[in-house]
Amino acid sequence: MKIIEGIKFDDSRGYFREIFLKKFFKKKKFIFWCMSKSKKNVLRGMHLQTKKTQTKIVSVVKGKILDVVIDCRPKSKSFGKHFKTILSEKNCKSLLIPAGFAHGFLTLDKENIVFYGNDNYRSANNEVTISWNDPIIKINWPSGKKIISNKDKSGISFKKFVKKI
């Protein structure tokens, strides 16, 4: 996992922002780009693909999110640990998420647009959703009512995920 500091050029018209520079990703070829738009308090996640895994780069084009990842790589020293960071239009940071991590986020502004690239295509048959409020992972989400899809509400426990892999 790596936080990438973006570059933004402001002037009287607005700003210009660099989001992706190939020189930082020589070993990865991002082939599938997605965008989501969400209102405040939307929680998406925690998603990963167990086969046809994906490395992702996540940037916020508008708004602000609490971005969270869980290391789901069994041989990793940080297996089962989660990491959080704030990504926003203002701070221009992007997050590079290695394959084998579950990913999710909570939107913090009125309108949020998240842009992300993947090095592999979406594979619905290989998608897993881990419960966003799993008692083993213990993600300390900000308080307040969250807007969560039925799919994300029915995520499996981390314990059940470990048994599947």
Foldseek 3Di string as FASTA:
>chain_A
DDKDFWDWDQDPVGIDTDQDDCVVPVPFDFDDKDKDKDFAQAKDFQKFFPPQTKWKKKAWCAAKKWKKKAQCDVVDPRHLEMDIDMHHNVRNMMDTGDTRIGIMIGTHHGMIMMMMTIRGDDDVVRMATEAPCAPSHHDDDDDDDHDYDPRNNPGHHSVVVVVVD
